[in-house]
């Protein structure tokens, strides 16, 4: 159960970090008038990825419950709860990375 939870948390933190850094470097210098919506784009993409991640974990949980492997099914349900709780602050962290990169 711990391994499944840690793997899901690492996946969450890796795509939030990569998205924040990548989107920050990609939109650096845009737009020229100083109105910057890059952090909003980062937040929306992060929320979309979190929902996809939660949906994949829900499907895996149903599959493991169907295959009578209740321990893994419970682990994926716990991962859903933890990702939903950690995902919102991680989304803000990604927007912070995007804004921080664009200031330099």
PDB file of N, CA and C in Angstrom:
ATOM      1  N   UNK A   1       0.816  -1.183   0.000  1.00  0.00           N
ATOM      2  CA  UNK A   1       0.000   0.000   0.000  1.00  0.00           C
ATOM      3  C   UNK A   1       0.871   1.262   0.000  1.00  0.00           C
ATOM      4  N   UNK A   2       1.939   1.235   0.778  1.00  0.00           N
ATOM      5  CA  UNK A   2       2.835   2.391   0.829  1.00  0.00           C
ATOM      6  C   UNK A   2       3.487   2.649  -0.526  1.00  0.00           C
ATOM      7  N   UNK A   3       3.876   1.575  -1.189  1.00  0.00           N
ATOM      8  CA  UNK A   3       4.562   1.717  -2.464  1.00  0.00           C
ATOM      9  C   UNK A   3       3.646   2.366  -3.504  1.00  0.00           C
ATOM     10  N   UNK A   4       2.398   1.926  -3.558  1.00  0.00           N
ATOM     11  CA  UNK A   4       1.444   2.500  -4.501  1.00  0.00           C
ATOM     12  C   UNK A   4       1.212   3.974  -4.207  1.00  0.00           C
ATOM     13  N   UNK A   5       1.085   4.294  -2.947  1.00  0.00           N
ATOM     14  CA  UNK A   5       0.860   5.680  -2.550  1.00  0.00           C
ATOM     15  C   UNK A   5       2.063   6.559  -2.888  1.00  0.00           C
ATOM     16  N   UNK A   6       3.264   6.079  -2.589  1.00  0.00           N
ATOM     17  CA  UNK A   6       4.471   6.856  -2.883  1.00  0.00           C
ATOM     18  C   UNK A   6       4.685   7.038  -4.377  1.00  0.00           C
ATOM     19  N   UNK A   7       4.403   6.010  -5.150  1.00  0.00           N
ATOM     20  CA  UNK A   7       4.550   6.121  -6.604  1.00  0.00           C
ATOM     21  C   UNK A   7       3.580   7.164  -7.149  1.00  0.00           C
ATOM     22  N   UNK A   8       2.347   7.163  -6.669  1.00  0.00           N
ATOM     23  CA  UNK A   8       1.369   8.144  -7.138  1.00  0.00           C
ATOM     24  C   UNK A   8       1.732   9.559  -6.720  1.00  0.00           C
ATOM     25  N   UNK A   9       2.257   9.731  -5.536  1.00  0.00           N
ATOM     26  CA  UNK A   9       2.683  11.067  -5.097  1.00  0.00           C
ATOM     27  C   UNK A   9       3.866  11.548  -5.934  1.00  0.00           C
ATOM     28  N   UNK A  10       4.805  10.654  -6.224  1.00  0.00           N
ATOM     29  CA  UNK A  10       5.953  11.036  -7.059  1.00  0.00           C
ATOM     30  C   UNK A  10       5.511  11.396  -8.476  1.00  0.00           C
ATOM     31  N   UNK A  11       4.542  10.655  -9.007  1.00  0.00           N
ATOM     32  CA  UNK A  11       4.011  10.985 -10.337  1.00  0.00           C
ATOM     33  C   UNK A  11       3.377  12.369 -10.308  1.00  0.00           C
ATOM     34  N   UNK A  12       2.576  12.655  -9.293  1.00  0.00           N
ATOM     35  CA  UNK A  12       1.928  13.955  -9.161  1.00  0.00           C
ATOM     36  C   UNK A  12       2.954  15.079  -9.079  1.00  0.00           C
ATOM     37  N   UNK A  13       3.925  14.934  -8.201  1.00  0.00           N
ATOM     38  CA  UNK A  13       4.918  15.991  -8.031  1.00  0.00           C
ATOM     39  C   UNK A  13       5.791  16.168  -9.271  1.00  0.00           C
ATOM     40  N   UNK A  14       6.060  15.076  -9.985  1.00  0.00           N
ATOM     41  CA  UNK A  14       6.896  15.203 -11.176  1.00  0.00           C
ATOM     42  C   UNK A  14       6.165  15.938 -12.294  1.00  0.00           C
ATOM     43  N   UNK A  15       4.893  15.614 -12.560  1.00  0.00           N
ATOM     44  CA  UNK A  15       4.249  16.337 -13.657  1.00  0.00           C
ATOM     45  C   UNK A  15       3.875  17.759 -13.278  1.00  0.00           C
ATOM     46  N   UNK A  16       3.649  18.044 -12.010  1.00  0.00           N
ATOM     47  CA  UNK A  16       3.406  19.434 -11.610  1.00  0.00           C
ATOM     48  C   UNK A  16       4.685  20.254 -11.772  1.00  0.00           C
ATOM     49  N   UNK A  17       5.809  19.700 -11.351  1.00  0.00           N
ATOM     50  CA  UNK A  17       7.085  20.410 -11.469  1.00  0.00           C
ATOM     51  C   UNK A  17       7.483  20.598 -12.928  1.00  0.00           C
ATOM     52  N   UNK A  18       7.388  19.544 -13.720  1.00  0.00           N
ATOM     53  CA  UNK A  18       7.758  19.653 -15.129  1.00  0.00           C
ATOM     54  C   UNK A  18       6.837  20.600 -15.883  1.00  0.00           C
ATOM     55  N   UNK A  19       5.561  20.564 -15.573  1.00  0.00           N
ATOM     56  CA  UNK A  19       4.630  21.471 -16.233  1.00  0.00           C
ATOM     57  C   UNK A  19       4.892  22.917 -15.830  1.00  0.00           C
ATOM     58  N   UNK A  20       5.133  23.162 -14.550  1.00  0.00           N
ATOM     59  CA  UNK A  20       5.423  24.525 -14.106  1.00  0.00           C
ATOM     60  C   UNK A  20       6.694  25.071 -14.719  1.00  0.00           C
ATOM     61  N   UNK A  21       7.739  24.266 -14.726  1.00  0.00           N
ATOM     62  CA  UNK A  21       9.002  24.709 -15.325  1.00  0.00           C
ATOM     63  C   UNK A  21       8.893  24.856 -16.838  1.00  0.00           C
ATOM     64  N   UNK A  22       8.313  23.862 -17.475  1.00  0.00           N
ATOM     65  CA  UNK A  22       8.208  23.887 -18.936  1.00  0.00           C
ATOM     66  C   UNK A  22       7.336  25.016 -19.438  1.00  0.00           C
ATOM     67  N   UNK A  23       6.196  25.193 -18.812  1.00  0.00           N
ATOM     68  CA  UNK A  23       5.295  26.261 -19.240  1.00  0.00           C
ATOM     69  C   UNK A  23       5.888  27.624 -18.937  1.00  0.00           C
ATOM     70  N   UNK A  24       6.642  27.728 -17.837  1.00  0.00           N
ATOM     71  CA  UNK A  24       7.287  28.990 -17.509  1.00  0.00           C
ATOM     72  C   UNK A  24       8.345  29.378 -18.523  1.00  0.00           C
ATOM     73  N   UNK A  25       9.164  28.413 -18.938  1.00  0.00           N
ATOM     74  CA  UNK A  25      10.192  28.708 -19.935  1.00  0.00           C
ATOM     75  C   UNK A  25       9.586  28.915 -21.318  1.00  0.00           C
ATOM     76  N   UNK A  26       8.520  28.190 -21.625  1.00  0.00           N
ATOM     77  CA  UNK A  26       7.899  28.315 -22.941  1.00  0.00           C
ATOM     78  C   UNK A  26       7.245  29.680 -23.129  1.00  0.00           C
ATOM     79  N   UNK A  27       6.582  30.179 -22.102  1.00  0.00           N
ATOM     80  CA  UNK A  27       5.863  31.447 -22.226  1.00  0.00           C
ATOM     81  C   UNK A  27       6.690  32.641 -21.776  1.00  0.00           C
ATOM     82  N   UNK A  28       7.947  32.450 -21.580  1.00  0.00           N
ATOM     83  CA  UNK A  28       8.814  33.538 -21.129  1.00  0.00           C
ATOM     84  C   UNK A  28       8.899  34.610 -22.213  1.00  0.00           C
ATOM     85  N   UNK A  29       8.589  35.844 -21.845  1.00  0.00           N
ATOM     86  CA  UNK A  29       8.627  36.938 -22.808  1.00  0.00           C
ATOM     87  C   UNK A  29       7.307  37.178 -23.513  1.00  0.00           C
ATOM     88  N   UNK A  30       6.304  36.359 -23.272  1.00  0.00           N
ATOM     89  CA  UNK A  30       4.991  36.553 -23.882  1.00  0.00           C
ATOM     90  C   UNK A  30       4.043  37.076 -22.824  1.00  0.00           C
ATOM     91  N   UNK A  31       3.094  37.851 -23.112  1.00  0.00           N
ATOM     92  CA  UNK A  31       2.998  38.781 -24.218  1.00  0.00           C
ATOM     93  C   UNK A  31       3.838  40.013 -23.954  1.00  0.00           C
ATOM     94  N   UNK A  32       4.111  40.802 -24.954  1.00  0.00           N
ATOM     95  CA  UNK A  32       5.036  41.925 -24.768  1.00  0.00           C
ATOM     96  C   UNK A  32       4.486  43.058 -23.904  1.00  0.00           C
ATOM     97  N   UNK A  33       3.196  43.163 -23.725  1.00  0.00           N
ATOM     98  CA  UNK A  33       2.638  44.281 -22.966  1.00  0.00           C
ATOM     99  C   UNK A  33       2.592  44.039 -21.468  1.00  0.00           C
ATOM    100  N   UNK A  34       3.027  42.917 -21.001  1.00  0.00           N
ATOM    101  CA  UNK A  34       3.108  42.681 -19.573  1.00  0.00           C
ATOM    102  C   UNK A  34       1.901  41.985 -18.966  1.00  0.00           C
ATOM    103  N   UNK A  35       0.861  41.745 -19.748  1.00  0.00           N
ATOM    104  CA  UNK A  35      -0.278  41.005 -19.224  1.00  0.00           C
ATOM    105  C   UNK A  35       0.035  39.526 -19.342  1.00  0.00           C
ATOM    106  N   UNK A  36       0.209  38.901 -18.216  1.00  0.00           N
ATOM    107  CA  UNK A  36       0.717  37.537 -18.217  1.00  0.00           C
ATOM    108  C   UNK A  36      -0.339  36.593 -17.661  1.00  0.00           C
ATOM    109  N   UNK A  37      -0.752  35.653 -18.497  1.00  0.00           N
ATOM    110  CA  UNK A  37      -1.716  34.646 -18.075  1.00  0.00           C
ATOM    111  C   UNK A  37      -1.108  33.258 -18.084  1.00  0.00           C
ATOM    112  N   UNK A  38       0.204  33.182 -18.037  1.00  0.00           N
ATOM    113  CA  UNK A  38       0.874  31.885 -18.079  1.00  0.00           C
ATOM    114  C   UNK A  38       0.579  31.068 -16.826  1.00  0.00           C
ATOM    115  N   UNK A  39       0.481  31.725 -15.681  1.00  0.00           N
ATOM    116  CA  UNK A  39       0.197  30.977 -14.459  1.00  0.00           C
ATOM    117  C   UNK A  39      -1.213  30.402 -14.487  1.00  0.00           C
ATOM    118  N   UNK A  40      -2.146  31.091 -15.125  1.00  0.00           N
ATOM    119  CA  UNK A  40      -3.498  30.558 -15.277  1.00  0.00           C
ATOM    120  C   UNK A  40      -3.480  29.316 -16.167  1.00  0.00           C
ATOM    121  N   UNK A  41      -2.693  29.367 -17.228  1.00  0.00           N
ATOM    122  CA  UNK A  41      -2.557  28.199 -18.100  1.00  0.00           C
ATOM    123  C   UNK A  41      -1.942  27.023 -17.368  1.00  0.00           C
ATOM    124  N   UNK A  42      -0.950  27.301 -16.550  1.00  0.00           N
ATOM    125  CA  UNK A  42      -0.337  26.243 -15.751  1.00  0.00           C
ATOM    126  C   UNK A  42      -1.342  25.630 -14.792  1.00  0.00           C
ATOM    127  N   UNK A  43      -2.145  26.474 -14.143  1.00  0.00           N
ATOM    128  CA  UNK A  43      -3.138  25.972 -13.196  1.00  0.00           C
ATOM    129  C   UNK A  43      -4.178  25.108 -13.898  1.00  0.00           C
ATOM    130  N   UNK A  44      -4.658  25.552 -15.056  1.00  0.00           N
ATOM    131  CA  UNK A  44      -5.677  24.780 -15.763  1.00  0.00           C
ATOM    132  C   UNK A  44      -5.133  23.441 -16.265  1.00  0.00           C
ATOM    133  N   UNK A  45      -3.924  23.442 -16.792  1.00  0.00           N
ATOM    134  CA  UNK A  45      -3.331  22.186 -17.252  1.00  0.00           C
ATOM    135  C   UNK A  45      -3.050  21.242 -16.087  1.00  0.00           C
ATOM    136  N   UNK A  46      -2.624  21.795 -14.972  1.00  0.00           N
ATOM    137  CA  UNK A  46      -2.368  20.958 -13.798  1.00  0.00           C
ATOM    138  C   UNK A  46      -3.653  20.336 -13.276  1.00  0.00           C
ATOM    139  N   UNK A  47      -4.723  21.113 -13.222  1.00  0.00           N
ATOM    140  CA  UNK A  47      -6.007  20.568 -12.770  1.00  0.00           C
ATOM    141  C   UNK A  47      -6.482  19.476 -13.719  1.00  0.00           C
ATOM    142  N   UNK A  48      -6.312  19.696 -15.018  1.00  0.00           N
ATOM    143  CA  UNK A  48      -6.689  18.670 -15.995  1.00  0.00           C
ATOM    144  C   UNK A  48      -5.894  17.388 -15.783  1.00  0.00           C
ATOM    145  N   UNK A  49      -4.595  17.513 -15.586  1.00  0.00           N
ATOM    146  CA  UNK A  49      -3.767  16.326 -15.351  1.00  0.00           C
ATOM    147  C   UNK A  49      -4.116  15.634 -14.039  1.00  0.00           C
ATOM    148  N   UNK A  50      -4.470  16.404 -13.022  1.00  0.00           N
ATOM    149  CA  UNK A  50      -4.869  15.799 -11.747  1.00  0.00           C
ATOM    150  C   UNK A  50      -6.156  15.002 -11.920  1.00  0.00           C
ATOM    151  N   UNK A  51      -7.121  15.549 -12.684  1.00  0.00           N
ATOM    152  CA  UNK A  51      -8.353  14.800 -12.920  1.00  0.00           C
ATOM    153  C   UNK A  51      -8.099  13.523 -13.711  1.00  0.00           C
ATOM    154  N   UNK A  52      -7.214  13.586 -14.696  1.00  0.00           N
ATOM    155  CA  UNK A  52      -6.867  12.382 -15.450  1.00  0.00           C
ATOM    156  C   UNK A  52      -6.198  11.353 -14.546  1.00  0.00           C
ATOM    157  N   UNK A  53      -5.321  11.817 -13.681  1.00  0.00           N
ATOM    158  CA  UNK A  53      -4.630  10.939 -12.727  1.00  0.00           C
ATOM    159  C   UNK A  53      -5.631  10.291 -11.774  1.00  0.00           C
ATOM    160  N   UNK A  54      -6.561  11.072 -11.262  1.00  0.00           N
ATOM    161  CA  UNK A  54      -7.582  10.530 -10.365  1.00  0.00           C
ATOM    162  C   UNK A  54      -8.469   9.514 -11.077  1.00  0.00           C
ATOM    163  N   UNK A  55      -8.826   9.804 -12.318  1.00  0.00           N
ATOM    164  CA  UNK A  55      -9.668   8.882 -13.075  1.00  0.00           C
ATOM    165  C   UNK A  55      -8.938   7.558 -13.333  1.00  0.00           C
ATOM    166  N   UNK A  56      -7.653   7.642 -13.683  1.00  0.00           N
ATOM    167  CA  UNK A  56      -6.872   6.415 -13.900  1.00  0.00           C
ATOM    168  C   UNK A  56      -6.783   5.584 -12.624  1.00  0.00           C
ATOM    169  N   UNK A  57      -6.589   6.238 -11.496  1.00  0.00           N
ATOM    170  CA  UNK A  57      -6.547   5.512 -10.226  1.00  0.00           C
ATOM    171  C   UNK A  57      -7.898   4.894  -9.882  1.00  0.00           C
ATOM    172  N   UNK A  58      -8.978   5.576 -10.204  1.00  0.00           N
ATOM    173  CA  UNK A  58     -10.308   5.028  -9.959  1.00  0.00           C
ATOM    174  C   UNK A  58     -10.552   3.787 -10.809  1.00  0.00           C
ATOM    175  N   UNK A  59     -10.158   3.842 -12.072  1.00  0.00           N
ATOM    176  CA  UNK A  59     -10.311   2.684 -12.957  1.00  0.00           C
ATOM    177  C   UNK A  59      -9.465   1.515 -12.465  1.00  0.00           C
ATOM    178  N   UNK A  60      -8.221   1.800 -12.073  1.00  0.00           N
ATOM    179  CA  UNK A  60      -7.364   0.734 -11.541  1.00  0.00           C
ATOM    180  C   UNK A  60      -7.928   0.150 -10.255  1.00  0.00           C
ATOM    181  N   UNK A  61      -8.512   0.984  -9.427  1.00  0.00           N
ATOM    182  CA  UNK A  61      -9.124   0.491  -8.202  1.00  0.00           C
ATOM    183  C   UNK A  61     -10.283  -0.459  -8.509  1.00  0.00           C
ATOM    184  N   UNK A  62     -11.132  -0.077  -9.450  1.00  0.00           N
ATOM    185  CA  UNK A  62     -12.243  -0.952  -9.843  1.00  0.00           C
ATOM    186  C   UNK A  62     -11.747  -2.260 -10.431  1.00  0.00           C
ATOM    187  N   UNK A  63     -10.692  -2.195 -11.223  1.00  0.00           N
ATOM    188  CA  UNK A  63     -10.132  -3.418 -11.823  1.00  0.00           C
ATOM    189  C   UNK A  63      -9.608  -4.346 -10.741  1.00  0.00           C
ATOM    190  N   UNK A  64      -8.887  -3.810  -9.775  1.00  0.00           N
ATOM    191  CA  UNK A  64      -8.340  -4.671  -8.718  1.00  0.00           C
ATOM    192  C   UNK A  64      -9.432  -5.215  -7.793  1.00  0.00           C
ATOM    193  N   UNK A  65     -10.479  -4.428  -7.566  1.00  0.00           N
ATOM    194  CA  UNK A  65     -11.589  -4.972  -6.783  1.00  0.00           C
ATOM    195  C   UNK A  65     -12.305  -6.080  -7.553  1.00  0.00           C
ATOM    196  N   UNK A  66     -12.416  -5.923  -8.864  1.00  0.00           N
ATOM    197  CA  UNK A  66     -13.047  -6.946  -9.699  1.00  0.00           C
ATOM    198  C   UNK A  66     -12.218  -8.227  -9.721  1.00  0.00           C
ATOM    199  N   UNK A  67     -10.885  -8.073  -9.691  1.00  0.00           N
ATOM    200  CA  UNK A  67      -9.987  -9.236  -9.704  1.00  0.00           C
ATOM    201  C   UNK A  67      -9.776  -9.825  -8.306  1.00  0.00           C
ATOM    202  N   UNK A  68     -10.523  -9.335  -7.330  1.00  0.00           N
ATOM    203  CA  UNK A  68     -10.487  -9.828  -5.948  1.00  0.00           C
ATOM    204  C   UNK A  68      -9.177  -9.524  -5.234  1.00  0.00           C
ATOM    205  N   UNK A  69      -8.475  -8.516  -5.679  1.00  0.00           N
ATOM    206  CA  UNK A  69      -7.261  -8.068  -4.992  1.00  0.00           C
ATOM    207  C   UNK A  69      -7.614  -6.800  -4.214  1.00  0.00           C
ATOM    208  N   UNK A  70      -8.237  -7.002  -3.069  1.00  0.00           N
ATOM    209  CA  UNK A  70      -8.777  -5.876  -2.305  1.00  0.00           C
ATOM    210  C   UNK A  70      -7.693  -4.970  -1.735  1.00  0.00           C
ATOM    211  N   UNK A  71      -6.542  -5.516  -1.469  1.00  0.00           N
ATOM    212  CA  UNK A  71      -5.456  -4.704  -0.901  1.00  0.00           C
ATOM    213  C   UNK A  71      -5.002  -3.635  -1.891  1.00  0.00           C
ATOM    214  N   UNK A  72      -4.807  -4.015  -3.156  1.00  0.00           N
ATOM    215  CA  UNK A  72      -4.407  -3.027  -4.162  1.00  0.00           C
ATOM    216  C   UNK A  72      -5.550  -2.075  -4.484  1.00  0.00           C
ATOM    217  N   UNK A  73      -6.775  -2.579  -4.472  1.00  0.00           N
ATOM    218  CA  UNK A  73      -7.923  -1.707  -4.695  1.00  0.00           C
ATOM    219  C   UNK A  73      -8.030  -0.635  -3.635  1.00  0.00           C
ATOM    220  N   UNK A  74      -7.814  -1.007  -2.375  1.00  0.00           N
ATOM    221  CA  UNK A  74      -7.829  -0.033  -1.287  1.00  0.00           C
ATOM    222  C   UNK A  74      -6.673   0.948  -1.409  1.00  0.00           C
ATOM    223  N   UNK A  75      -5.521   0.450  -1.848  1.00  0.00           N
ATOM    224  CA  UNK A  75      -4.360   1.331  -2.009  1.00  0.00           C
ATOM    225  C   UNK A  75      -4.631   2.408  -3.060  1.00  0.00           C
ATOM    226  N   UNK A  76      -5.282   2.024  -4.159  1.00  0.00           N
ATOM    227  CA  UNK A  76      -5.592   3.019  -5.187  1.00  0.00           C
ATOM    228  C   UNK A  76      -6.682   3.983  -4.726  1.00  0.00           C
ATOM    229  N   UNK A  77      -7.635   3.507  -3.937  1.00  0.00           N
ATOM    230  CA  UNK A  77      -8.631   4.428  -3.380  1.00  0.00           C
ATOM    231  C   UNK A  77      -7.989   5.417  -2.413  1.00  0.00           C
ATOM    232  N   UNK A  78      -7.051   4.946  -1.605  1.00  0.00           N
ATOM    233  CA  UNK A  78      -6.321   5.846  -0.717  1.00  0.00           C
ATOM    234  C   UNK A  78      -5.492   6.841  -1.523  1.00  0.00           C
ATOM    235  N   UNK A  79      -4.925   6.387  -2.628  1.00  0.00           N
ATOM    236  CA  UNK A  79      -4.151   7.286  -3.494  1.00  0.00           C
ATOM    237  C   UNK A  79      -5.037   8.380  -4.076  1.00  0.00           C
ATOM    238  N   UNK A  80      -6.278   8.030  -4.400  1.00  0.00           N
ATOM    239  CA  UNK A  80      -7.211   9.039  -4.912  1.00  0.00           C
ATOM    240  C   UNK A  80      -7.420  10.134  -3.872  1.00  0.00           C
ATOM    241  N   UNK A  81      -7.638   9.734  -2.630  1.00  0.00           N
ATOM    242  CA  UNK A  81      -7.860  10.721  -1.571  1.00  0.00           C
ATOM    243  C   UNK A  81      -6.630  11.595  -1.350  1.00  0.00           C
ATOM    244  N   UNK A  82      -5.466  10.978  -1.324  1.00  0.00           N
ATOM    245  CA  UNK A  82      -4.240  11.742  -1.069  1.00  0.00           C
ATOM    246  C   UNK A  82      -3.924  12.676  -2.231  1.00  0.00           C
ATOM    247  N   UNK A  83      -4.110  12.210  -3.458  1.00  0.00           N
ATOM    248  CA  UNK A  83      -3.842  13.061  -4.618  1.00  0.00           C
ATOM    249  C   UNK A  83      -4.823  14.230  -4.664  1.00  0.00           C
ATOM    250  N   UNK A  84      -6.071  13.992  -4.298  1.00  0.00           N
ATOM    251  CA  UNK A  84      -7.043  15.086  -4.272  1.00  0.00           C
ATOM    252  C   UNK A  84      -6.668  16.126  -3.218  1.00  0.00           C
ATOM    253  N   UNK A  85      -6.116  15.678  -2.099  1.00  0.00           N
ATOM    254  CA  UNK A  85      -5.722  16.619  -1.039  1.00  0.00           C
ATOM    255  C   UNK A  85      -4.429  17.343  -1.391  1.00  0.00           C
ATOM    256  N   UNK A  86      -3.455  16.631  -1.929  1.00  0.00           N
ATOM    257  CA  UNK A  86      -2.160  17.231  -2.252  1.00  0.00           C
ATOM    258  C   UNK A  86      -2.203  17.981  -3.580  1.00  0.00           C
ATOM    259  N   UNK A  87      -3.114  17.625  -4.449  1.00  0.00           N
ATOM    260  CA  UNK A  87      -3.158  18.210  -5.784  1.00  0.00           C
ATOM    261  C   UNK A  87      -3.419  19.697  -5.815  1.00  0.00           C
ATOM    262  N   UNK A  88      -4.265  20.202  -4.941  1.00  0.00           N
ATOM    263  CA  UNK A  88      -4.586  21.634  -4.946  1.00  0.00           C
ATOM    264  C   UNK A  88      -3.373  22.478  -4.559  1.00  0.00           C
ATOM    265  N   UNK A  89      -2.677  22.171  -3.451  1.00  0.00           N
ATOM    266  CA  UNK A  89      -1.461  22.943  -3.178  1.00  0.00           C
ATOM    267  C   UNK A  89      -0.369  22.748  -4.234  1.00  0.00           C
ATOM    268  N   UNK A  90      -0.316  21.563  -4.824  1.00  0.00           N
ATOM    269  CA  UNK A  90       0.674  21.329  -5.878  1.00  0.00           C
ATOM    270  C   UNK A  90       0.359  22.179  -7.101  1.00  0.00           C
ATOM    271  N   UNK A  91      -0.916  22.392  -7.362  1.00  0.00           N
ATOM    272  CA  UNK A  91      -1.320  23.259  -8.469  1.00  0.00           C
ATOM    273  C   UNK A  91      -0.838  24.686  -8.232  1.00  0.00           C
ATOM    274  N   UNK A  92      -0.968  25.162  -6.998  1.00  0.00           N
ATOM    275  CA  UNK A  92      -0.457  26.490  -6.670  1.00  0.00           C
ATOM    276  C   UNK A  92       1.069  26.531  -6.769  1.00  0.00           C
ATOM    277  N   UNK A  93       1.723  25.437  -6.419  1.00  0.00           N
ATOM    278  CA  UNK A  93       3.177  25.367  -6.554  1.00  0.00           C
ATOM    279  C   UNK A  93       3.615  25.469  -7.998  1.00  0.00           C
ATOM    280  N   UNK A  94       2.878  24.830  -8.900  1.00  0.00           N
ATOM    281  CA  UNK A  94       3.206  24.918 -10.332  1.00  0.00           C
ATOM    282  C   UNK A  94       3.035  26.323 -10.865  1.00  0.00           C
ATOM    283  N   UNK A  95       1.981  27.018 -10.419  1.00  0.00           N
ATOM    284  CA  UNK A  95       1.797  28.398 -10.865  1.00  0.00           C
ATOM    285  C   UNK A  95       2.886  29.303 -10.286  1.00  0.00           C
ATOM    286  N   UNK A  96       3.334  29.018  -9.069  1.00  0.00           N
ATOM    287  CA  UNK A  96       4.430  29.785  -8.488  1.00  0.00           C
ATOM    288  C   UNK A  96       5.705  29.597  -9.301  1.00  0.00           C
ATOM    289  N   UNK A  97       5.983  28.354  -9.709  1.00  0.00           N
ATOM    290  CA  UNK A  97       7.167  28.113 -10.538  1.00  0.00           C
ATOM    291  C   UNK A  97       7.101  28.875 -11.852  1.00  0.00           C
ATOM    292  N   UNK A  98       5.927  28.876 -12.476  1.00  0.00           N
ATOM    293  CA  UNK A  98       5.777  29.583 -13.746  1.00  0.00           C
ATOM    294  C   UNK A  98       6.012  31.071 -13.563  1.00  0.00           C
ATOM    295  N   UNK A  99       5.425  31.670 -12.537  1.00  0.00           N
ATOM    296  CA  UNK A  99       5.623  33.099 -12.294  1.00  0.00           C
ATOM    297  C   UNK A  99       7.063  33.416 -11.924  1.00  0.00           C
ATOM    298  N   UNK A 100       7.671  32.549 -11.145  1.00  0.00           N
ATOM    299  CA  UNK A 100       9.048  32.774 -10.712  1.00  0.00           C
ATOM    300  C   UNK A 100      10.015  32.741 -11.891  1.00  0.00           C
ATOM    301  N   UNK A 101       9.801  31.820 -12.809  1.00  0.00           N
ATOM    302  CA  UNK A 101      10.689  31.712 -13.972  1.00  0.00           C
ATOM    303  C   UNK A 101      10.515  32.934 -14.874  1.00  0.00           C
ATOM    304  N   UNK A 102       9.308  33.404 -15.026  1.00  0.00           N
ATOM    305  CA  UNK A 102       9.074  34.518 -15.945  1.00  0.00           C
ATOM    306  C   UNK A 102       9.600  35.843 -15.413  1.00  0.00           C
ATOM    307  N   UNK A 103       9.868  35.925 -14.143  1.00  0.00           N
ATOM    308  CA  UNK A 103      10.405  37.176 -13.609  1.00  0.00           C
ATOM    309  C   UNK A 103      11.889  37.354 -13.904  1.00  0.00           C
ATOM    310  N   UNK A 104      12.548  36.287 -14.293  1.00  0.00           N
ATOM    311  CA  UNK A 104      13.997  36.384 -14.552  1.00  0.00           C
ATOM    312  C   UNK A 104      14.298  36.339 -16.013  1.00  0.00           C
TER     313      UNK A 104
END
